Every structure is written in C-alpha cells, then in structure tokens.
Amino acid sequence: MIFAEKLIHTADIHLGSKMDSRFNRDISDERKSELRNTLKRLVMYAKENQVAIIMLCGDIFDSDSPYKKDKDFFYSLIRSTPEIDFLYLKGNHDTHDNVLEEIPENLKLFSDKWISYTYGNVVISGIELCASNASSYSASLSLTKDSLNIVMLHGQLSDSAGSGNIQLKKLKNKNIDYLALGHIHKPSEGRIDERGEYVYCGCLEGRGFDEPGEHGFVLIDTDGGKIAHKFIPFAQRRIHETDVDISGSKNAYEAYKKVSGSVKFNKQDLFRINLTGEIEFDVERLAVDVERMLADSCYFISVKDRTGKKINISQYENDLSVKGEFVRMVYAQADISDEDKMTIINCGLRALNGKEIDL
C-alpha cells in the first residue's frame, strides 16, 4: 500500500497549447517543448523528494484531441514512474476520453460521479464537473470526519450554480481538509470553513503575457496527521509585465534608455513592457523601435505603446482635419473636466492614428 505522506497538486499544464499567436514560430516550438520538460522535471522532483501522489487537477492537455507526441510523452512518463500514483481529473479542455486503451496501473481516473482513492488515513476524492451533475455534485459528496480528506475539482469559484461552477458555501461542513483546484492559472487560496481550505495551484508554466508572475505547483505534507502545504515556484521561465513612464523622452532612443534603466532584464525570462506617459514627438513605430533595441536583453520581449501625445489645444483651433474637429468638439463640452477631456482626446487621436487604445 502507498502511504500519501507527500503529495503534489498541479493542474493546467496545457500540453500541445498553440502559442503561434503569442510568439514567432521558433519561440512557440521551444515553449511547447518546455511545457513537456517542466512536467518531466516535476516528476523527477517527486521521485527525488519521496512524493507518493501527483494530483493532476485538469487541463493536462490543451484539447480533447491531443497531439500524438504529447499523448505518448504523458503516458510514457507515467509508466516510467511506477512508484508514484498519478490521479488525473479531466478539466474543461480535456473533457473527452483521451486515455489509452491499456491504462497504466499507477494512473487513477475520475468520472462524472464521485470516485475516492485511499492511502492510509488520506482519502482523495474527485468528480469531473459537467452539466448533468452541476446542481447535485456537492450533495452527493460524503466524507468521514476521521480521515484526512482531499477533494479534487476543476472549475471557477462562483456564488451561482452552473456547469464548471464551484460554490464554496455548498462544500462547507463536508469534512474537507484540502480542496485541490484547477482551472484558474494564478495561484490563490482561502478558507472553506473552520476545518478546510481551498487552493488553486495555478498553471505549471505561464504561456503568454496574460499569465505573468510566479508559476509552479503545491507540495502537500500529511506527516503528523495534519495537512500542510506550500507553493513551489517551478516554471522554467517567468513572464514579467511592467509599465515604464517615458514622459520627457524626445525620441525612441531616449525611451529605450528609460526602459533599460528601469527594468532588471535577464536572459531567461519573457518581458512585456508597456510604454506610458506623455510624449511630445510622434513616432508611429515607437514600440517596434524600442523592442528592437531591447531584443538582446532577455529571452523574448514585447513592447506596447500606451503613451499619450502631449497636446497643445491651441494648435487645433484652426485645423480643418477630422482630428481638429474632434479635439474642438470634446474641448467644448462643459460637463466634462479638463482632465477627462485630455484623456478622451488622447484616446481619440490614438484611434485616428491607428494605435491601440486602453480603456
């Protein structure tokens, strides 16, 4: 019998994720490889640290029809580590049956009804949320108070019922010690009741600039008859997003100098730089020029121009263009503050110049 003194809680690995819209093809292919490599490193970490159970709380694959390369890799990794049990609860991306006909002995699966696995005094229960059990899954959960109870789910916390929604109020007083969650890609945690807590482990590796910050997994220790846990940063690369005020810059090179002096770059990570502030010069390719100057500073960089042009209203008084008419119209509004007028004018001029707008 395996005793679950140490466990790992992970989710949202998204093997086979399409990253072409985020990066060029070379970077995209490398990041796909790195997703697989980070999962492999996780399993090696488990072996080296006597972890008995790895809980996979959904979205291990990015789709219901994973690439053969990713599928073969995942199941080969499980077969090559028979001393560890892998508990795989499917999420909203990998909902359909994508397992092999011959299931490895150490791969434990779940369904749309509660299934539990017992390891000494630790009981791990899970159910795959769907439309048919959305309103009934919490009522059918039955756990004994004398066990250490871990529950696995994949979905978002919500006050209302619905497919994929998790209502914490309906899980109170259910004898849950640790609610292992997947679906939300940022680590977070909180209380269910006096006894138990919920934990989102976040995704194992950030895939784009919408997933900045630390990523990794949660290490759980049940030694001493209680559940203790800690987040372990583990991503191969970290994604950073930083706003840099370049007000006062007279050209792209001065903007670049302000960025390089404000941000601590490294060759390992990915960076998104948002240029902010007011500038007097008008450079359509400002972001592109600054991005090229910073290209050797890190693994990958994306620069966005969020600046506003310092506007002299008087120069538009006799301007017969669409821009002039727009500026005069906004500035004539008596019920709008001067500060709001400048914000509206900046957004409008950016749109007329074909630039992105942040509202």
Protein backbone atom coordinates (compact mmCIF):
# COMPACT_ATOMS: atom_id res chain seq x y z
CA MET A 1 0.00 0.00 0.00
CA ILE A 2 1.18 3.51 -0.84
CA PHE A 3 1.06 5.98 2.05
CA ALA A 4 0.49 9.57 0.98
CA GLU A 5 2.82 11.42 3.33
CA LYS A 6 3.85 13.77 0.50
CA LEU A 7 1.71 14.77 -2.47
CA ILE A 8 1.92 17.24 -5.34
CA HIS A 9 -1.03 19.31 -6.52
CA THR A 10 -0.71 20.57 -10.10
CA ALA A 11 -3.02 21.50 -12.98
CA ASP A 12 -3.42 23.42 -16.24
CA ILE A 13 -0.26 22.26 -17.98
CA HIS A 14 -1.97 22.50 -21.40
CA LEU A 15 0.35 20.18 -23.34
CA GLY A 16 0.06 20.99 -27.04
CA SER A 17 -1.03 24.57 -26.42
CA LYS A 18 -0.93 26.71 -29.57
CA MET A 19 1.39 29.63 -28.95
CA ASP A 20 1.75 30.90 -32.51
CA SER A 21 -0.41 33.96 -31.81
CA ARG A 22 1.88 34.96 -28.94
CA PHE A 23 5.34 34.24 -30.33
CA ASN A 24 7.18 33.61 -33.58
CA ARG A 25 7.40 30.01 -34.73
CA ASP A 26 10.83 29.23 -33.23
CA ILE A 27 9.90 30.60 -29.81
CA SER A 28 6.49 28.91 -30.00
CA ASP A 29 8.01 25.49 -30.74
CA GLU A 30 10.58 25.91 -27.97
CA ARG A 31 7.94 26.88 -25.42
CA LYS A 32 5.83 23.83 -26.33
CA SER A 33 8.89 21.69 -25.67
CA GLU A 34 9.50 23.48 -22.40
CA LEU A 35 5.96 22.67 -21.21
CA ARG A 36 6.77 18.98 -21.61
CA ASN A 37 10.17 19.43 -19.99
CA THR A 38 8.70 21.21 -16.96
CA LEU A 39 6.25 18.35 -16.40
CA LYS A 40 9.15 15.89 -16.66
CA ARG A 41 11.15 17.94 -14.14
CA LEU A 42 8.13 17.90 -11.82
CA VAL A 43 8.04 14.10 -11.89
CA MET A 44 11.80 13.96 -11.25
CA TYR A 45 11.31 16.33 -8.30
CA ALA A 46 8.63 13.98 -6.96
CA LYS A 47 10.95 10.96 -7.20
CA GLU A 48 13.83 12.77 -5.53
CA ASN A 49 11.63 14.03 -2.67
CA GLN A 50 9.71 10.82 -1.94
CA VAL A 51 6.39 12.17 -3.20
CA ALA A 52 3.89 9.32 -3.45
CA ILE A 53 0.98 11.00 -5.24
CA ILE A 54 0.74 13.56 -8.04
CA MET A 55 -2.75 15.06 -8.33
CA LEU A 56 -3.48 16.38 -11.84
CA CYS A 57 -6.48 18.70 -11.47
CA GLY A 58 -7.46 19.11 -15.10
CA ASP A 59 -6.35 20.54 -18.44
CA ILE A 60 -3.21 18.46 -18.71
CA PHE A 61 -3.81 18.60 -22.45
CA ASP A 62 -4.93 21.73 -24.29
CA SER A 63 -7.62 19.93 -26.28
CA ASP A 64 -9.77 16.81 -26.40
CA SER A 65 -7.64 15.51 -29.29
CA PRO A 66 -4.04 15.94 -28.11
CA TYR A 67 -1.11 15.61 -30.45
CA LYS A 68 0.28 12.06 -30.52
CA LYS A 69 3.66 13.44 -29.43
CA ASP A 70 2.16 14.97 -26.28
CA LYS A 71 -0.04 11.99 -25.52
CA ASP A 72 2.83 9.49 -25.89
CA PHE A 73 5.06 11.68 -23.74
CA PHE A 74 2.49 11.97 -20.93
CA TYR A 75 1.67 8.28 -20.67
CA SER A 76 5.30 7.19 -21.08
CA LEU A 77 6.21 9.47 -18.17
CA ILE A 78 3.55 7.77 -16.01
CA ARG A 79 4.66 4.27 -17.00
CA SER A 80 8.30 5.08 -16.27
CA THR A 81 7.45 6.13 -12.70
CA PRO A 82 5.53 3.16 -11.20
CA GLU A 83 6.41 4.19 -7.63
CA ILE A 84 4.15 7.27 -7.95
CA ASP A 85 0.38 7.25 -8.36
CA PHE A 86 -0.98 9.83 -10.81
CA LEU A 87 -4.56 10.93 -10.09
CA TYR A 88 -5.88 12.51 -13.29
CA LEU A 89 -9.12 14.50 -13.15
CA LYS A 90 -10.02 15.94 -16.56
CA GLY A 91 -10.86 19.65 -16.96
CA ASN A 92 -12.77 21.75 -19.46
CA HIS A 93 -10.04 21.49 -22.14
CA ASP A 94 -9.51 17.72 -21.94
CA THR A 95 -13.09 16.63 -21.22
CA HIS A 96 -13.30 13.69 -23.61
CA ASP A 97 -11.72 10.29 -23.23
CA ASN A 98 -8.11 10.73 -24.33
CA VAL A 99 -6.56 7.94 -22.26
CA LEU A 100 -5.04 4.81 -23.73
CA GLU A 101 -6.90 1.53 -24.10
CA GLU A 102 -4.42 -0.06 -21.70
CA ILE A 103 -4.34 2.21 -18.65
CA PRO A 104 -1.10 2.17 -16.63
CA GLU A 105 -1.65 0.64 -13.19
CA ASN A 106 -0.45 3.79 -11.44
CA LEU A 107 -2.86 6.08 -13.35
CA LYS A 108 -6.06 6.68 -11.39
CA LEU A 109 -9.01 8.31 -13.16
CA PHE A 110 -12.25 10.04 -12.21
CA SER A 111 -15.69 10.39 -13.81
CA ASP A 112 -18.90 12.42 -13.56
CA LYS A 113 -19.61 10.63 -10.26
CA TRP A 114 -17.53 10.79 -7.09
CA ILE A 115 -14.58 8.38 -7.00
CA SER A 116 -12.27 8.06 -3.99
CA TYR A 117 -8.76 6.63 -3.56
CA THR A 118 -7.48 5.72 -0.09
CA TYR A 119 -3.84 5.94 1.01
CA GLY A 120 -3.60 5.09 4.71
CA ASN A 121 -5.55 7.79 6.54
CA VAL A 122 -5.63 10.06 3.45
CA VAL A 123 -8.70 9.85 1.21
CA ILE A 124 -8.60 11.63 -2.16
CA SER A 125 -11.97 12.15 -3.82
CA GLY A 126 -12.81 13.77 -7.13
CA ILE A 127 -15.56 14.37 -9.64
CA GLU A 128 -15.42 15.82 -13.16
CA LEU A 129 -17.92 18.66 -13.32
CA CYS A 130 -20.40 18.73 -16.19
CA ALA A 131 -23.93 19.87 -16.98
CA SER A 132 -25.51 16.67 -15.63
CA ASN A 133 -24.00 16.97 -12.13
CA ALA A 134 -23.75 20.77 -11.82
CA SER A 135 -26.54 21.04 -9.26
CA SER A 136 -26.07 17.74 -7.43
CA TYR A 137 -22.33 17.03 -7.03
CA SER A 138 -21.95 18.74 -3.65
CA ALA A 139 -24.97 16.99 -2.11
CA SER A 140 -23.62 13.57 -3.11
CA LEU A 141 -20.19 14.12 -1.50
CA SER A 142 -19.82 12.04 1.67
CA LEU A 143 -16.59 12.13 3.70
CA THR A 144 -15.84 10.74 7.16
CA LYS A 145 -14.56 13.19 9.74
CA ASP A 146 -11.76 10.87 10.95
CA SER A 147 -9.89 10.82 7.61
CA LEU A 148 -7.63 13.44 6.06
CA ASN A 149 -9.89 14.37 3.16
CA ILE A 150 -8.55 15.87 -0.06
CA VAL A 151 -11.06 16.77 -2.78
CA MET A 152 -10.08 17.40 -6.41
CA LEU A 153 -12.17 19.66 -8.68
CA HIS A 154 -11.70 21.72 -11.84
CA GLY A 155 -13.70 24.92 -12.21
CA GLN A 156 -14.18 28.51 -11.09
CA LEU A 157 -15.46 29.69 -7.72
CA SER A 158 -18.93 31.16 -8.06
CA ASP A 159 -21.91 32.12 -5.93
CA SER A 160 -24.27 30.62 -8.50
CA ALA A 161 -24.78 27.10 -9.79
CA GLY A 162 -23.77 26.12 -13.31
CA SER A 163 -21.54 23.80 -15.27
CA GLY A 164 -17.96 24.29 -14.09
CA ASN A 165 -19.01 26.49 -11.15
CA ILE A 166 -17.84 25.64 -7.64
CA GLN A 167 -19.99 27.01 -4.82
CA LEU A 168 -17.90 27.03 -1.65
CA LYS A 169 -20.96 27.54 0.52
CA LYS A 170 -22.23 24.11 -0.56
CA LEU A 171 -18.91 22.48 0.40
CA LYS A 172 -18.91 23.82 3.96
CA ASN A 173 -19.09 21.27 6.79
CA LYS A 174 -18.34 18.41 4.40
CA ASN A 175 -15.18 17.36 6.31
CA ILE A 176 -12.89 18.65 3.54
CA ASP A 177 -9.33 19.35 4.71
CA TYR A 178 -7.85 20.42 1.38
CA LEU A 179 -9.74 21.32 -1.81
CA ALA A 180 -7.30 20.91 -4.72
CA LEU A 181 -8.48 23.07 -7.60
CA GLY A 182 -7.58 23.57 -11.25
CA HIS A 183 -8.76 25.99 -13.96
CA ILE A 184 -7.54 29.36 -12.63
CA HIS A 185 -3.97 29.92 -13.81
CA LYS A 186 -2.86 32.15 -10.93
CA PRO A 187 -2.10 30.59 -7.51
CA SER A 188 -4.56 31.53 -4.77
CA GLU A 189 -6.09 30.08 -1.63
CA GLY A 190 -8.71 30.69 1.06
CA ARG A 191 -10.91 29.08 3.67
CA ILE A 192 -13.89 26.81 3.08
CA ASP A 193 -14.81 26.57 6.76
CA GLU A 194 -13.04 26.16 10.10
CA ARG A 195 -11.67 22.78 9.05
CA GLY A 196 -10.73 23.11 5.40
CA GLU A 197 -9.19 25.38 2.79
CA TYR A 198 -9.23 25.62 -0.98
CA VAL A 199 -6.09 26.05 -3.11
CA TYR A 200 -5.63 26.91 -6.76
CA CYS A 201 -2.12 25.76 -7.70
CA GLY A 202 -2.14 27.88 -10.88
CA CYS A 203 -0.61 26.72 -14.14
CA LEU A 204 2.77 25.00 -14.08
CA GLU A 205 4.28 27.23 -16.75
CA GLY A 206 2.99 30.61 -17.97
CA ARG A 207 2.25 30.52 -21.70
CA GLY A 208 1.65 34.16 -22.60
CA PHE A 209 1.65 37.71 -21.32
CA ASP A 210 -1.81 37.17 -19.81
CA GLU A 211 -0.12 34.78 -17.33
CA PRO A 212 2.64 36.81 -15.65
CA GLY A 213 4.19 36.13 -12.24
CA GLU A 214 5.32 33.04 -10.36
CA HIS A 215 4.11 29.63 -11.57
CA GLY A 216 4.70 26.20 -10.12
CA PHE A 217 2.92 23.59 -8.01
CA VAL A 218 1.82 22.93 -4.43
CA LEU A 219 3.67 20.45 -2.22
CA ILE A 220 1.44 18.83 0.40
CA ASP A 221 2.71 17.13 3.57
CA THR A 222 0.42 14.96 5.72
CA ASP A 223 3.03 13.99 8.31
CA GLY A 224 1.67 14.23 11.84
CA GLY A 225 -1.94 13.70 10.87
CA LYS A 226 -2.45 17.20 9.51
CA ILE A 227 -2.25 18.74 6.06
CA ALA A 228 0.41 21.38 5.48
CA HIS A 229 1.16 22.85 2.07
CA LYS A 230 3.49 25.30 0.37
CA PHE A 231 3.75 26.73 -3.12
CA ILE A 232 6.90 25.75 -5.02
CA PRO A 233 7.94 28.12 -7.86
CA PHE A 234 8.97 25.80 -10.68
CA ALA A 235 8.45 27.35 -14.12
CA GLN A 236 11.41 27.25 -16.48
CA ARG A 237 10.74 30.87 -17.42
CA ARG A 238 8.92 33.68 -15.68
CA ILE A 239 6.74 36.19 -17.52
CA HIS A 240 7.05 39.83 -16.45
CA GLU A 241 4.81 42.77 -17.32
CA THR A 242 5.99 46.29 -16.44
CA ASP A 243 4.75 49.81 -17.14
CA VAL A 244 7.52 52.34 -17.84
CA ASP A 245 6.76 56.06 -17.91
CA ILE A 246 8.80 57.61 -20.73
CA SER A 247 7.46 61.15 -20.32
CA GLY A 248 10.03 63.71 -21.42
CA SER A 249 11.66 61.40 -23.98
CA LYS A 250 12.43 63.20 -27.23
CA ASN A 251 12.95 60.11 -29.40
CA ALA A 252 12.88 56.31 -29.39
CA TYR A 253 16.47 56.02 -28.16
CA GLU A 254 15.70 58.12 -25.06
CA ALA A 255 12.64 55.95 -24.45
CA TYR A 256 14.84 52.84 -24.73
CA LYS A 257 17.30 54.29 -22.19
CA LYS A 258 14.48 54.91 -19.71
CA VAL A 259 13.24 51.34 -20.10
CA SER A 260 16.69 49.76 -19.78
CA GLY A 261 17.34 51.87 -16.68
CA SER A 262 14.02 50.92 -15.05
CA VAL A 263 13.70 47.19 -15.72
CA LYS A 264 16.01 44.45 -14.48
CA PHE A 265 16.21 42.16 -17.50
CA ASN A 266 17.63 38.64 -17.62
CA LYS A 267 18.34 36.22 -20.46
CA GLN A 268 15.99 33.55 -19.08
CA ASP A 269 12.62 35.27 -18.93
CA LEU A 270 9.93 36.86 -21.09
CA PHE A 271 9.07 40.55 -20.73
CA ARG A 272 6.13 42.74 -21.73
CA ILE A 273 6.92 46.46 -21.49
CA ASN A 274 4.09 48.99 -21.65
CA LEU A 275 5.34 52.46 -22.58
CA THR A 276 3.27 55.06 -20.71
CA GLY A 277 3.28 58.79 -20.04
CA GLU A 278 3.02 61.82 -22.33
CA ILE A 279 5.49 62.49 -25.13
CA GLU A 280 5.82 65.40 -27.50
CA PHE A 281 7.18 63.54 -30.50
CA ASP A 282 5.00 61.44 -32.80
CA VAL A 283 6.62 58.15 -33.79
CA GLU A 284 4.34 55.55 -35.35
CA ARG A 285 6.89 52.77 -34.85
CA LEU A 286 7.95 53.73 -31.32
CA ALA A 287 7.14 50.31 -29.82
CA VAL A 288 8.83 48.46 -32.68
CA ASP A 289 11.98 50.59 -32.44
CA VAL A 290 12.27 50.21 -28.65
CA GLU A 291 11.56 46.48 -28.91
CA ARG A 292 14.40 46.01 -31.39
CA MET A 293 16.82 47.92 -29.18
CA LEU A 294 15.92 45.65 -26.24
CA ALA A 295 15.87 42.38 -28.21
CA ASP A 296 19.15 41.06 -26.75
CA SER A 297 18.21 41.88 -23.15
CA CYS A 298 16.08 38.79 -22.49
CA TYR A 299 14.69 35.55 -23.94
CA PHE A 300 11.71 37.31 -25.53
CA ILE A 301 10.32 40.84 -25.35
CA SER A 302 7.11 42.55 -26.41
CA VAL A 303 6.77 46.35 -26.23
CA LYS A 304 3.40 48.11 -26.36
CA ASP A 305 2.97 51.85 -26.91
CA ARG A 306 0.45 53.11 -24.35
CA THR A 307 1.70 56.69 -24.38
CA GLY A 308 -0.34 59.80 -25.00
CA LYS A 309 0.81 62.74 -27.05
CA LYS A 310 1.28 65.95 -25.11
CA ILE A 311 -1.41 68.09 -26.69
CA ASN A 312 -1.40 71.82 -27.26
CA ILE A 313 -5.09 72.56 -27.76
CA SER A 314 -4.38 75.87 -29.48
CA GLN A 315 -2.76 74.12 -32.44
CA TYR A 316 -6.12 72.54 -33.31
CA GLU A 317 -8.15 75.79 -33.21
CA ASN A 318 -7.98 76.30 -36.98
CA ASP A 319 -7.21 72.72 -38.01
CA LEU A 320 -9.77 71.69 -40.64
CA SER A 321 -8.94 67.97 -40.41
CA VAL A 322 -11.02 65.26 -38.68
CA LYS A 323 -8.55 65.43 -35.79
CA GLY A 324 -9.09 69.16 -35.39
CA GLU A 325 -12.88 68.82 -35.45
CA PHE A 326 -12.72 66.00 -32.89
CA VAL A 327 -10.45 67.96 -30.49
CA ARG A 328 -12.62 71.09 -30.68
CA MET A 329 -15.83 69.11 -30.14
CA VAL A 330 -14.51 67.38 -27.00
CA TYR A 331 -12.94 70.53 -25.59
CA ALA A 332 -16.25 72.41 -25.95
CA GLN A 333 -18.10 70.02 -23.61
CA ALA A 334 -18.87 71.99 -20.44
CA ASP A 335 -19.89 68.94 -18.37
CA ILE A 336 -16.52 67.17 -18.70
CA SER A 337 -13.49 68.01 -16.55
CA ASP A 338 -10.30 69.22 -18.24
CA GLU A 339 -8.52 66.05 -17.10
CA ASP A 340 -11.18 63.81 -18.63
CA LYS A 341 -11.16 65.89 -21.82
CA MET A 342 -7.43 65.27 -22.25
CA THR A 343 -7.94 61.53 -21.66
CA ILE A 344 -10.72 61.38 -24.26
CA ILE A 345 -8.73 63.45 -26.76
CA ASN A 346 -5.65 61.25 -26.31
CA CYS A 347 -7.69 58.09 -26.89
CA GLY A 348 -9.40 59.59 -29.93
CA LEU A 349 -6.16 60.76 -31.51
CA ARG A 350 -4.59 57.34 -30.89
CA ALA A 351 -7.54 55.71 -32.67
CA LEU A 352 -7.31 58.16 -35.57
CA ASN A 353 -3.60 57.34 -35.83
CA GLY A 354 -4.35 53.61 -35.91
CA LYS A 355 -2.88 52.88 -32.46
CA GLU A 356 -4.18 50.57 -29.74
CA ILE A 357 -6.39 52.06 -27.04
CA ASP A 358 -6.60 51.00 -23.38
CA LEU A 359 -9.99 51.90 -21.92
